[in-house]
Amino acid sequence: MTMATKDTGTTGPHGQTDYIEHGSQEHAGLLGLRKAAKEDNLELNSWTLEDMTAYGPQATMDFLKEVLRQKVSELTGPAPKVPDNAPPMWEPVVESNN
């Protein structure tokens, strides 16, 4: 099994050009995370939620802390294992002009 690294650009293990490396800044963005700044009042391992208001006005600080913990765990945990013989999840439909 192969994982793309920063020195291989954005090409995945099977040549996918839209591959996003596990644990990368792009992965963090997909999870709704960003690097925490000094003025952020919710932070875990230097990460914070990109938009805490996305969870609505009823979201408590305890709820937001748990959401942040889960997202940071996903980002910093091990990459999921995918068998080398796994088929592509999606193949684009090529339209012809016939």
PDB file of N, CA and C in Angstrom:
ATOM      1  N   MET A   1       0.849  -1.162   0.000  1.00  0.00           N
ATOM      2  CA  MET A   1       0.000   0.000   0.000  1.00  0.00           C
ATOM      3  C   MET A   1       0.899   1.230   0.000  1.00  0.00           C
ATOM      4  N   THR A   2       0.515   2.221  -0.779  1.00  0.00           N
ATOM      5  CA  THR A   2       1.311   3.424  -0.925  1.00  0.00           C
ATOM      6  C   THR A   2       0.486   4.632  -0.533  1.00  0.00           C
ATOM      7  N   MET A   3       1.103   5.587   0.121  1.00  0.00           N
ATOM      8  CA  MET A   3       0.444   6.852   0.425  1.00  0.00           C
ATOM      9  C   MET A   3       1.236   7.957  -0.258  1.00  0.00           C
ATOM     10  N   ALA A   4       0.556   8.965  -0.768  1.00  0.00           N
ATOM     11  CA  ALA A   4       1.237  10.105  -1.366  1.00  0.00           C
ATOM     12  C   ALA A   4       1.933  10.884  -0.260  1.00  0.00           C
ATOM     13  N   THR A   5       3.043  11.465  -0.585  1.00  0.00           N
ATOM     14  CA  THR A   5       3.754  12.303   0.365  1.00  0.00           C
ATOM     15  C   THR A   5       3.898  13.684  -0.232  1.00  0.00           C
ATOM     16  N   LYS A   6       4.345  14.612   0.591  1.00  0.00           N
ATOM     17  CA  LYS A   6       4.444  15.985   0.124  1.00  0.00           C
ATOM     18  C   LYS A   6       5.365  16.120  -1.081  1.00  0.00           C
ATOM     19  N   ASP A   7       6.411  15.304  -1.178  1.00  0.00           N
ATOM     20  CA  ASP A   7       7.324  15.446  -2.304  1.00  0.00           C
ATOM     21  C   ASP A   7       6.775  14.844  -3.602  1.00  0.00           C
ATOM     22  N   THR A   8       5.639  14.141  -3.549  1.00  0.00           N
ATOM     23  CA  THR A   8       5.065  13.596  -4.787  1.00  0.00           C
ATOM     24  C   THR A   8       3.921  14.461  -5.303  1.00  0.00           C
ATOM     25  N   GLY A   9       3.712  15.607  -4.718  1.00  0.00           N
ATOM     26  CA  GLY A   9       2.652  16.494  -5.185  1.00  0.00           C
ATOM     27  C   GLY A   9       1.294  15.996  -4.752  1.00  0.00           C
ATOM     28  N   THR A  10       0.316  16.140  -5.627  1.00  0.00           N
ATOM     29  CA  THR A  10      -1.054  15.775  -5.260  1.00  0.00           C
ATOM     30  C   THR A  10      -1.518  14.512  -5.952  1.00  0.00           C
ATOM     31  N   THR A  11      -0.594  13.671  -6.383  1.00  0.00           N
ATOM     32  CA  THR A  11      -0.967  12.425  -7.043  1.00  0.00           C
ATOM     33  C   THR A  11      -1.046  11.314  -6.008  1.00  0.00           C
ATOM     34  N   GLY A  12      -2.152  10.592  -6.027  1.00  0.00           N
ATOM     35  CA  GLY A  12      -2.370   9.528  -5.068  1.00  0.00           C
ATOM     36  C   GLY A  12      -1.660   8.243  -5.438  1.00  0.00           C
ATOM     37  N   PRO A  13      -1.861   7.199  -4.651  1.00  0.00           N
ATOM     38  CA  PRO A  13      -1.162   5.939  -4.861  1.00  0.00           C
ATOM     39  C   PRO A  13      -1.460   5.270  -6.193  1.00  0.00           C
ATOM     40  N   HIS A  14      -2.587   5.609  -6.798  1.00  0.00           N
ATOM     41  CA  HIS A  14      -2.933   5.017  -8.090  1.00  0.00           C
ATOM     42  C   HIS A  14      -3.055   6.084  -9.167  1.00  0.00           C
ATOM     43  N   GLY A  15      -2.307   7.183  -9.003  1.00  0.00           N
ATOM     44  CA  GLY A  15      -2.274   8.236 -10.000  1.00  0.00           C
ATOM     45  C   GLY A  15      -3.432   9.209  -9.946  1.00  0.00           C
ATOM     46  N   GLN A  16      -4.222   9.197  -8.864  1.00  0.00           N
ATOM     47  CA  GLN A  16      -5.356  10.112  -8.766  1.00  0.00           C
ATOM     48  C   GLN A  16      -4.826  11.545  -8.626  1.00  0.00           C
ATOM     49  N   THR A  17      -5.266  12.422  -9.499  1.00  0.00           N
ATOM     50  CA  THR A  17      -4.807  13.803  -9.430  1.00  0.00           C
ATOM     51  C   THR A  17      -5.573  14.620  -8.405  1.00  0.00           C
ATOM     52  N   ASP A  18      -6.708  14.103  -7.926  1.00  0.00           N
ATOM     53  CA  ASP A  18      -7.486  14.817  -6.914  1.00  0.00           C
ATOM     54  C   ASP A  18      -7.255  14.258  -5.507  1.00  0.00           C
ATOM     55  N   TYR A  19      -6.170  13.536  -5.323  1.00  0.00           N
ATOM     56  CA  TYR A  19      -5.855  12.889  -4.051  1.00  0.00           C
ATOM     57  C   TYR A  19      -5.515  13.929  -2.986  1.00  0.00           C
ATOM     58  N   ILE A  20      -6.044  13.755  -1.793  1.00  0.00           N
ATOM     59  CA  ILE A  20      -5.717  14.617  -0.657  1.00  0.00           C
ATOM     60  C   ILE A  20      -5.049  13.752   0.391  1.00  0.00           C
ATOM     61  N   GLU A  21      -3.838  14.106   0.738  1.00  0.00           N
ATOM     62  CA  GLU A  21      -3.046  13.318   1.683  1.00  0.00           C
ATOM     63  C   GLU A  21      -3.648  13.369   3.082  1.00  0.00           C
ATOM     64  N   HIS A  22      -3.708  12.205   3.722  1.00  0.00           N
ATOM     65  CA  HIS A  22      -4.209  12.112   5.092  1.00  0.00           C
ATOM     66  C   HIS A  22      -3.323  12.952   6.011  1.00  0.00           C
ATOM     67  N   GLY A  23      -3.946  13.811   6.817  1.00  0.00           N
ATOM     68  CA  GLY A  23      -3.214  14.634   7.766  1.00  0.00           C
ATOM     69  C   GLY A  23      -2.710  15.956   7.200  1.00  0.00           C
ATOM     70  N   SER A  24      -2.988  16.228   5.938  1.00  0.00           N
ATOM     71  CA  SER A  24      -2.491  17.457   5.306  1.00  0.00           C
ATOM     72  C   SER A  24      -3.391  18.652   5.641  1.00  0.00           C
ATOM     73  N   GLN A  25      -2.942  19.843   5.267  1.00  0.00           N
ATOM     74  CA  GLN A  25      -3.748  21.045   5.454  1.00  0.00           C
ATOM     75  C   GLN A  25      -5.066  20.931   4.678  1.00  0.00           C
ATOM     76  N   GLU A  26      -5.009  20.325   3.486  1.00  0.00           N
ATOM     77  CA  GLU A  26      -6.227  20.146   2.695  1.00  0.00           C
ATOM     78  C   GLU A  26      -7.204  19.220   3.412  1.00  0.00           C
ATOM     79  N   HIS A  27      -6.677  18.170   4.033  1.00  0.00           N
ATOM     80  CA  HIS A  27      -7.514  17.249   4.808  1.00  0.00           C
ATOM     81  C   HIS A  27      -8.146  18.001   5.981  1.00  0.00           C
ATOM     82  N   ALA A  28      -7.355  18.832   6.650  1.00  0.00           N
ATOM     83  CA  ALA A  28      -7.873  19.628   7.761  1.00  0.00           C
ATOM     84  C   ALA A  28      -9.014  20.531   7.290  1.00  0.00           C
ATOM     85  N   GLY A  29      -8.837  21.141   6.126  1.00  0.00           N
ATOM     86  CA  GLY A  29      -9.882  21.998   5.577  1.00  0.00           C
ATOM     87  C   GLY A  29     -11.170  21.240   5.298  1.00  0.00           C
ATOM     88  N   LEU A  30     -11.041  20.019   4.772  1.00  0.00           N
ATOM     89  CA  LEU A  30     -12.234  19.202   4.522  1.00  0.00           C
ATOM     90  C   LEU A  30     -12.959  18.849   5.821  1.00  0.00           C
ATOM     91  N   LEU A  31     -12.202  18.728   6.894  1.00  0.00           N
ATOM     92  CA  LEU A  31     -12.793  18.415   8.192  1.00  0.00           C
ATOM     93  C   LEU A  31     -13.337  19.652   8.899  1.00  0.00           C
ATOM     94  N   GLY A  32     -13.109  20.829   8.332  1.00  0.00           N
ATOM     95  CA  GLY A  32     -13.575  22.058   8.969  1.00  0.00           C
ATOM     96  C   GLY A  32     -12.650  22.536  10.064  1.00  0.00           C
ATOM     97  N   LEU A  33     -11.353  22.234   9.928  1.00  0.00           N
ATOM     98  CA  LEU A  33     -10.357  22.646  10.916  1.00  0.00           C
ATOM     99  C   LEU A  33      -9.409  23.671  10.317  1.00  0.00           C
ATOM    100  N   ARG A  34      -8.813  24.474  11.193  1.00  0.00           N
ATOM    101  CA  ARG A  34      -7.729  25.375  10.805  1.00  0.00           C
ATOM    102  C   ARG A  34      -6.782  25.489  11.983  1.00  0.00           C
ATOM    103  N   LYS A  35      -5.575  25.984  11.721  1.00  0.00           N
ATOM    104  CA  LYS A  35      -4.608  26.191  12.795  1.00  0.00           C
ATOM    105  C   LYS A  35      -5.150  27.259  13.745  1.00  0.00           C
ATOM    106  N   ALA A  36      -5.025  27.025  15.031  1.00  0.00           N
ATOM    107  CA  ALA A  36      -5.543  27.952  16.033  1.00  0.00           C
ATOM    108  C   ALA A  36      -4.638  29.177  16.153  1.00  0.00           C
ATOM    109  N   ALA A  37      -5.256  30.314  16.390  1.00  0.00           N
ATOM    110  CA  ALA A  37      -4.543  31.561  16.661  1.00  0.00           C
ATOM    111  C   ALA A  37      -4.613  31.836  18.162  1.00  0.00           C
ATOM    112  N   LYS A  38      -3.819  32.783  18.620  1.00  0.00           N
ATOM    113  CA  LYS A  38      -3.791  33.096  20.053  1.00  0.00           C
ATOM    114  C   LYS A  38      -5.152  33.499  20.595  1.00  0.00           C
ATOM    115  N   GLU A  39      -5.938  34.197  19.782  1.00  0.00           N
ATOM    116  CA  GLU A  39      -7.229  34.694  20.262  1.00  0.00           C
ATOM    117  C   GLU A  39      -8.346  33.654  20.237  1.00  0.00           C
ATOM    118  N   ASP A  40      -8.104  32.470  19.684  1.00  0.00           N
ATOM    119  CA  ASP A  40      -9.129  31.421  19.653  1.00  0.00           C
ATOM    120  C   ASP A  40      -9.334  30.855  21.052  1.00  0.00           C
ATOM    121  N   ASN A  41     -10.600  30.751  21.468  1.00  0.00           N
ATOM    122  CA  ASN A  41     -10.870  30.231  22.813  1.00  0.00           C
ATOM    123  C   ASN A  41     -11.150  28.731  22.832  1.00  0.00           C
ATOM    124  N   LEU A  42     -11.142  28.096  21.677  1.00  0.00           N
ATOM    125  CA  LEU A  42     -11.316  26.645  21.583  1.00  0.00           C
ATOM    126  C   LEU A  42     -10.160  26.097  20.757  1.00  0.00           C
ATOM    127  N   GLU A  43      -9.322  25.279  21.377  1.00  0.00           N
ATOM    128  CA  GLU A  43      -8.112  24.807  20.697  1.00  0.00           C
ATOM    129  C   GLU A  43      -7.732  23.428  21.230  1.00  0.00           C
ATOM    130  N   LEU A  44      -7.264  22.578  20.331  1.00  0.00           N
ATOM    131  CA  LEU A  44      -6.770  21.265  20.712  1.00  0.00           C
ATOM    132  C   LEU A  44      -5.611  20.903  19.799  1.00  0.00           C
ATOM    133  N   ASN A  45      -4.458  20.674  20.365  1.00  0.00           N
ATOM    134  CA  ASN A  45      -3.253  20.316  19.603  1.00  0.00           C
ATOM    135  C   ASN A  45      -2.991  21.305  18.475  1.00  0.00           C
ATOM    136  N   SER A  46      -3.178  22.579  18.746  1.00  0.00           N
ATOM    137  CA  SER A  46      -2.972  23.711  17.830  1.00  0.00           C
ATOM    138  C   SER A  46      -4.016  23.794  16.714  1.00  0.00           C
ATOM    139  N   TRP A  47      -5.130  23.071  16.817  1.00  0.00           N
ATOM    140  CA  TRP A  47      -6.219  23.125  15.834  1.00  0.00           C
ATOM    141  C   TRP A  47      -7.462  23.722  16.472  1.00  0.00           C
ATOM    142  N   THR A  48      -8.298  24.344  15.652  1.00  0.00           N
ATOM    143  CA  THR A  48      -9.595  24.842  16.094  1.00  0.00           C
ATOM    144  C   THR A  48     -10.599  24.638  14.967  1.00  0.00           C
ATOM    145  N   LEU A  49     -11.864  24.794  15.280  1.00  0.00           N
ATOM    146  CA  LEU A  49     -12.905  24.660  14.268  1.00  0.00           C
ATOM    147  C   LEU A  49     -12.905  25.895  13.371  1.00  0.00           C
ATOM    148  N   GLU A  50     -13.032  25.694  12.094  1.00  0.00           N
ATOM    149  CA  GLU A  50     -13.063  26.799  11.129  1.00  0.00           C
ATOM    150  C   GLU A  50     -14.257  27.710  11.383  1.00  0.00           C
ATOM    151  N   ASP A  51     -15.422  27.133  11.659  1.00  0.00           N
ATOM    152  CA  ASP A  51     -16.639  27.917  11.850  1.00  0.00           C
ATOM    153  C   ASP A  51     -17.477  27.295  12.956  1.00  0.00           C
ATOM    154  N   MET A  52     -17.337  27.818  14.162  1.00  0.00           N
ATOM    155  CA  MET A  52     -18.093  27.271  15.282  1.00  0.00           C
ATOM    156  C   MET A  52     -19.581  27.570  15.166  1.00  0.00           C
ATOM    157  N   THR A  53     -19.954  28.568  14.383  1.00  0.00           N
ATOM    158  CA  THR A  53     -21.369  28.901  14.233  1.00  0.00           C
ATOM    159  C   THR A  53     -22.099  27.914  13.324  1.00  0.00           C
ATOM    160  N   ALA A  54     -21.358  27.070  12.629  1.00  0.00           N
ATOM    161  CA  ALA A  54     -21.976  26.093  11.725  1.00  0.00           C
ATOM    162  C   ALA A  54     -22.849  25.088  12.485  1.00  0.00           C
ATOM    163  N   TYR A  55     -22.651  24.971  13.776  1.00  0.00           N
ATOM    164  CA  TYR A  55     -23.395  23.994  14.568  1.00  0.00           C
ATOM    165  C   TYR A  55     -24.635  24.599  15.227  1.00  0.00           C
ATOM    166  N   GLY A  56     -24.922  25.856  14.915  1.00  0.00           N
ATOM    167  CA  GLY A  56     -26.138  26.497  15.386  1.00  0.00           C
ATOM    168  C   GLY A  56     -25.982  27.196  16.724  1.00  0.00           C
ATOM    169  N   PRO A  57     -26.951  28.024  17.051  1.00  0.00           N
ATOM    170  CA  PRO A  57     -26.871  28.817  18.283  1.00  0.00           C
ATOM    171  C   PRO A  57     -27.036  27.991  19.557  1.00  0.00           C
ATOM    172  N   GLN A  58     -27.570  26.792  19.434  1.00  0.00           N
ATOM    173  CA  GLN A  58     -27.778  25.947  20.611  1.00  0.00           C
ATOM    174  C   GLN A  58     -26.541  25.123  20.978  1.00  0.00           C
ATOM    175  N   ALA A  59     -25.499  25.155  20.147  1.00  0.00           N
ATOM    176  CA  ALA A  59     -24.299  24.348  20.396  1.00  0.00           C
ATOM    177  C   ALA A  59     -23.584  24.856  21.646  1.00  0.00           C
ATOM    178  N   THR A  60     -23.367  23.954  22.586  1.00  0.00           N
ATOM    179  CA  THR A  60     -22.675  24.313  23.823  1.00  0.00           C
ATOM    180  C   THR A  60     -21.169  24.167  23.635  1.00  0.00           C
ATOM    181  N   MET A  61     -20.410  24.766  24.532  1.00  0.00           N
ATOM    182  CA  MET A  61     -18.957  24.647  24.462  1.00  0.00           C
ATOM    183  C   MET A  61     -18.533  23.188  24.631  1.00  0.00           C
ATOM    184  N   ASP A  62     -19.222  22.423  25.460  1.00  0.00           N
ATOM    185  CA  ASP A  62     -18.903  21.001  25.619  1.00  0.00           C
ATOM    186  C   ASP A  62     -19.105  20.248  24.309  1.00  0.00           C
ATOM    187  N   PHE A  63     -20.196  20.549  23.622  1.00  0.00           N
ATOM    188  CA  PHE A  63     -20.456  19.922  22.324  1.00  0.00           C
ATOM    189  C   PHE A  63     -19.356  20.273  21.331  1.00  0.00           C
ATOM    190  N   LEU A  64     -18.995  21.554  21.243  1.00  0.00           N
ATOM    191  CA  LEU A  64     -17.959  21.996  20.308  1.00  0.00           C
ATOM    192  C   LEU A  64     -16.600  21.375  20.631  1.00  0.00           C
ATOM    193  N   LYS A  65     -16.296  21.231  21.907  1.00  0.00           N
ATOM    194  CA  LYS A  65     -15.039  20.577  22.307  1.00  0.00           C
ATOM    195  C   LYS A  65     -15.011  19.127  21.832  1.00  0.00           C
ATOM    196  N   GLU A  66     -16.135  18.445  21.942  1.00  0.00           N
ATOM    197  CA  GLU A  66     -16.195  17.046  21.501  1.00  0.00           C
ATOM    198  C   GLU A  66     -16.088  16.945  19.980  1.00  0.00           C
ATOM    199  N   VAL A  67     -16.747  17.841  19.266  1.00  0.00           N
ATOM    200  CA  VAL A  67     -16.629  17.864  17.803  1.00  0.00           C
ATOM    201  C   VAL A  67     -15.172  18.094  17.418  1.00  0.00           C
ATOM    202  N   LEU A  68     -14.530  19.060  18.053  1.00  0.00           N
ATOM    203  CA  LEU A  68     -13.118  19.351  17.772  1.00  0.00           C
ATOM    204  C   LEU A  68     -12.244  18.146  18.080  1.00  0.00           C
ATOM    205  N   ARG A  69     -12.478  17.490  19.213  1.00  0.00           N
ATOM    206  CA  ARG A  69     -11.677  16.311  19.582  1.00  0.00           C
ATOM    207  C   ARG A  69     -11.799  15.218  18.524  1.00  0.00           C
ATOM    208  N   GLN A  70     -13.015  14.967  18.060  1.00  0.00           N
ATOM    209  CA  GLN A  70     -13.217  13.930  17.052  1.00  0.00           C
ATOM    210  C   GLN A  70     -12.539  14.275  15.737  1.00  0.00           C
ATOM    211  N   LYS A  71     -12.646  15.527  15.324  1.00  0.00           N
ATOM    212  CA  LYS A  71     -12.045  15.939  14.056  1.00  0.00           C
ATOM    213  C   LYS A  71     -10.521  15.912  14.121  1.00  0.00           C
ATOM    214  N   VAL A  72      -9.952  16.345  15.236  1.00  0.00           N
ATOM    215  CA  VAL A  72      -8.491  16.310  15.389  1.00  0.00           C
ATOM    216  C   VAL A  72      -8.006  14.859  15.446  1.00  0.00           C
ATOM    217  N   SER A  73      -8.769  13.990  16.086  1.00  0.00           N
ATOM    218  CA  SER A  73      -8.406  12.564  16.125  1.00  0.00           C
ATOM    219  C   SER A  73      -8.385  11.971  14.718  1.00  0.00           C
ATOM    220  N   GLU A  74      -9.362  12.335  13.901  1.00  0.00           N
ATOM    221  CA  GLU A  74      -9.407  11.864  12.513  1.00  0.00           C
ATOM    222  C   GLU A  74      -8.208  12.375  11.733  1.00  0.00           C
ATOM    223  N   LEU A  75      -7.870  13.645  11.932  1.00  0.00           N
ATOM    224  CA  LEU A  75      -6.773  14.265  11.193  1.00  0.00           C
ATOM    225  C   LEU A  75      -5.415  13.692  11.589  1.00  0.00           C
ATOM    226  N   THR A  76      -5.201  13.494  12.878  1.00  0.00           N
ATOM    227  CA  THR A  76      -3.880  13.104  13.367  1.00  0.00           C
ATOM    228  C   THR A  76      -3.707  11.598  13.552  1.00  0.00           C
ATOM    229  N   GLY A  77      -4.789  10.858  13.444  1.00  0.00           N
ATOM    230  CA  GLY A  77      -4.705   9.406  13.596  1.00  0.00           C
ATOM    231  C   GLY A  77      -4.081   8.751  12.374  1.00  0.00           C
ATOM    232  N   PRO A  78      -3.935   7.447  12.420  1.00  0.00           N
ATOM    233  CA  PRO A  78      -3.352   6.750  11.274  1.00  0.00           C
ATOM    234  C   PRO A  78      -4.278   6.791  10.067  1.00  0.00           C
ATOM    235  N   ALA A  79      -3.683   6.782   8.909  1.00  0.00           N
ATOM    236  CA  ALA A  79      -4.459   6.767   7.666  1.00  0.00           C
ATOM    237  C   ALA A  79      -5.223   5.451   7.571  1.00  0.00           C
ATOM    238  N   PRO A  80      -6.433   5.496   7.058  1.00  0.00           N
ATOM    239  CA  PRO A  80      -7.186   4.252   6.912  1.00  0.00           C
ATOM    240  C   PRO A  80      -6.483   3.300   5.949  1.00  0.00           C
ATOM    241  N   LYS A  81      -6.595   2.039   6.218  1.00  0.00           N
ATOM    242  CA  LYS A  81      -5.977   1.024   5.367  1.00  0.00           C
ATOM    243  C   LYS A  81      -6.914   0.686   4.219  1.00  0.00           C
ATOM    244  N   VAL A  82      -6.385   0.716   3.028  1.00  0.00           N
ATOM    245  CA  VAL A  82      -7.155   0.373   1.838  1.00  0.00           C
ATOM    246  C   VAL A  82      -6.375  -0.710   1.100  1.00  0.00           C
ATOM    247  N   PRO A  83      -6.994  -1.825   0.808  1.00  0.00           N
ATOM    248  CA  PRO A  83      -6.281  -2.889   0.091  1.00  0.00           C
ATOM    249  C   PRO A  83      -5.787  -2.404  -1.271  1.00  0.00           C
ATOM    250  N   ASP A  84      -4.634  -2.896  -1.678  1.00  0.00           N
ATOM    251  CA  ASP A  84      -4.067  -2.511  -2.965  1.00  0.00           C
ATOM    252  C   ASP A  84      -4.990  -2.865  -4.124  1.00  0.00           C
ATOM    253  N   ASN A  85      -5.810  -3.899  -3.963  1.00  0.00           N
ATOM    254  CA  ASN A  85      -6.687  -4.319  -5.053  1.00  0.00           C
ATOM    255  C   ASN A  85      -8.086  -3.697  -4.967  1.00  0.00           C
ATOM    256  N   ALA A  86      -8.260  -2.677  -4.112  1.00  0.00           N
ATOM    257  CA  ALA A  86      -9.565  -2.029  -3.995  1.00  0.00           C
ATOM    258  C   ALA A  86      -9.880  -1.273  -5.284  1.00  0.00           C
ATOM    259  N   PRO A  87     -11.101  -1.404  -5.781  1.00  0.00           N
ATOM    260  CA  PRO A  87     -11.461  -0.682  -7.007  1.00  0.00           C
ATOM    261  C   PRO A  87     -11.605   0.813  -6.717  1.00  0.00           C
ATOM    262  N   PRO A  88     -11.499   1.642  -7.744  1.00  0.00           N
ATOM    263  CA  PRO A  88     -11.711   3.080  -7.542  1.00  0.00           C
ATOM    264  C   PRO A  88     -13.127   3.323  -7.019  1.00  0.00           C
ATOM    265  N   MET A  89     -13.266   4.328  -6.163  1.00  0.00           N
ATOM    266  CA  MET A  89     -14.594   4.640  -5.628  1.00  0.00           C
ATOM    267  C   MET A  89     -15.455   5.348  -6.654  1.00  0.00           C
ATOM    268  N   TRP A  90     -14.830   6.045  -7.577  1.00  0.00           N
ATOM    269  CA  TRP A  90     -15.588   6.829  -8.550  1.00  0.00           C
ATOM    270  C   TRP A  90     -14.772   6.946  -9.822  1.00  0.00           C
ATOM    271  N   GLU A  91     -15.425   6.789 -10.928  1.00  0.00           N
ATOM    272  CA  GLU A  91     -14.794   7.005 -12.217  1.00  0.00           C
ATOM    273  C   GLU A  91     -15.644   7.998 -12.990  1.00  0.00           C
ATOM    274  N   PRO A  92     -15.028   9.045 -13.516  1.00  0.00           N
ATOM    275  CA  PRO A  92     -15.828  10.057 -14.219  1.00  0.00           C
ATOM    276  C   PRO A  92     -16.464   9.491 -15.489  1.00  0.00           C
ATOM    277  N   VAL A  93     -17.635   9.986 -15.807  1.00  0.00           N
ATOM    278  CA  VAL A  93     -18.311   9.599 -17.036  1.00  0.00           C
ATOM    279  C   VAL A  93     -17.770  10.485 -18.138  1.00  0.00           C
ATOM    280  N   VAL A  94     -17.299   9.857 -19.187  1.00  0.00           N
ATOM    281  CA  VAL A  94     -16.766  10.600 -20.333  1.00  0.00           C
ATOM    282  C   VAL A  94     -17.872  10.715 -21.361  1.00  0.00           C
ATOM    283  N   GLU A  95     -18.256  11.949 -21.640  1.00  0.00           N
ATOM    284  CA  GLU A  95     -19.310  12.187 -22.624  1.00  0.00           C
ATOM    285  C   GLU A  95     -18.687  12.375 -23.997  1.00  0.00           C
ATOM    286  N   SER A  96     -19.330  11.800 -24.981  1.00  0.00           N
ATOM    287  CA  SER A  96     -18.828  11.961 -26.344  1.00  0.00           C
ATOM    288  C   SER A  96     -19.740  12.930 -27.101  1.00  0.00           C
ATOM    289  N   ASN A  97     -19.223  13.482 -28.159  1.00  0.00           N
ATOM    290  CA  ASN A  97     -19.982  14.429 -28.977  1.00  0.00           C
ATOM    291  C   ASN A  97     -20.583  13.731 -30.196  1.00  0.00           C
ATOM    292  N   ASN A  98     -20.900  12.479 -30.101  1.00  0.00           N
ATOM    293  CA  ASN A  98     -21.449  11.726 -31.255  1.00  0.00           C
ATOM    294  C   ASN A  98     -22.914  11.970 -31.391  1.00  0.00           C
TER     295      ASN A  98
END
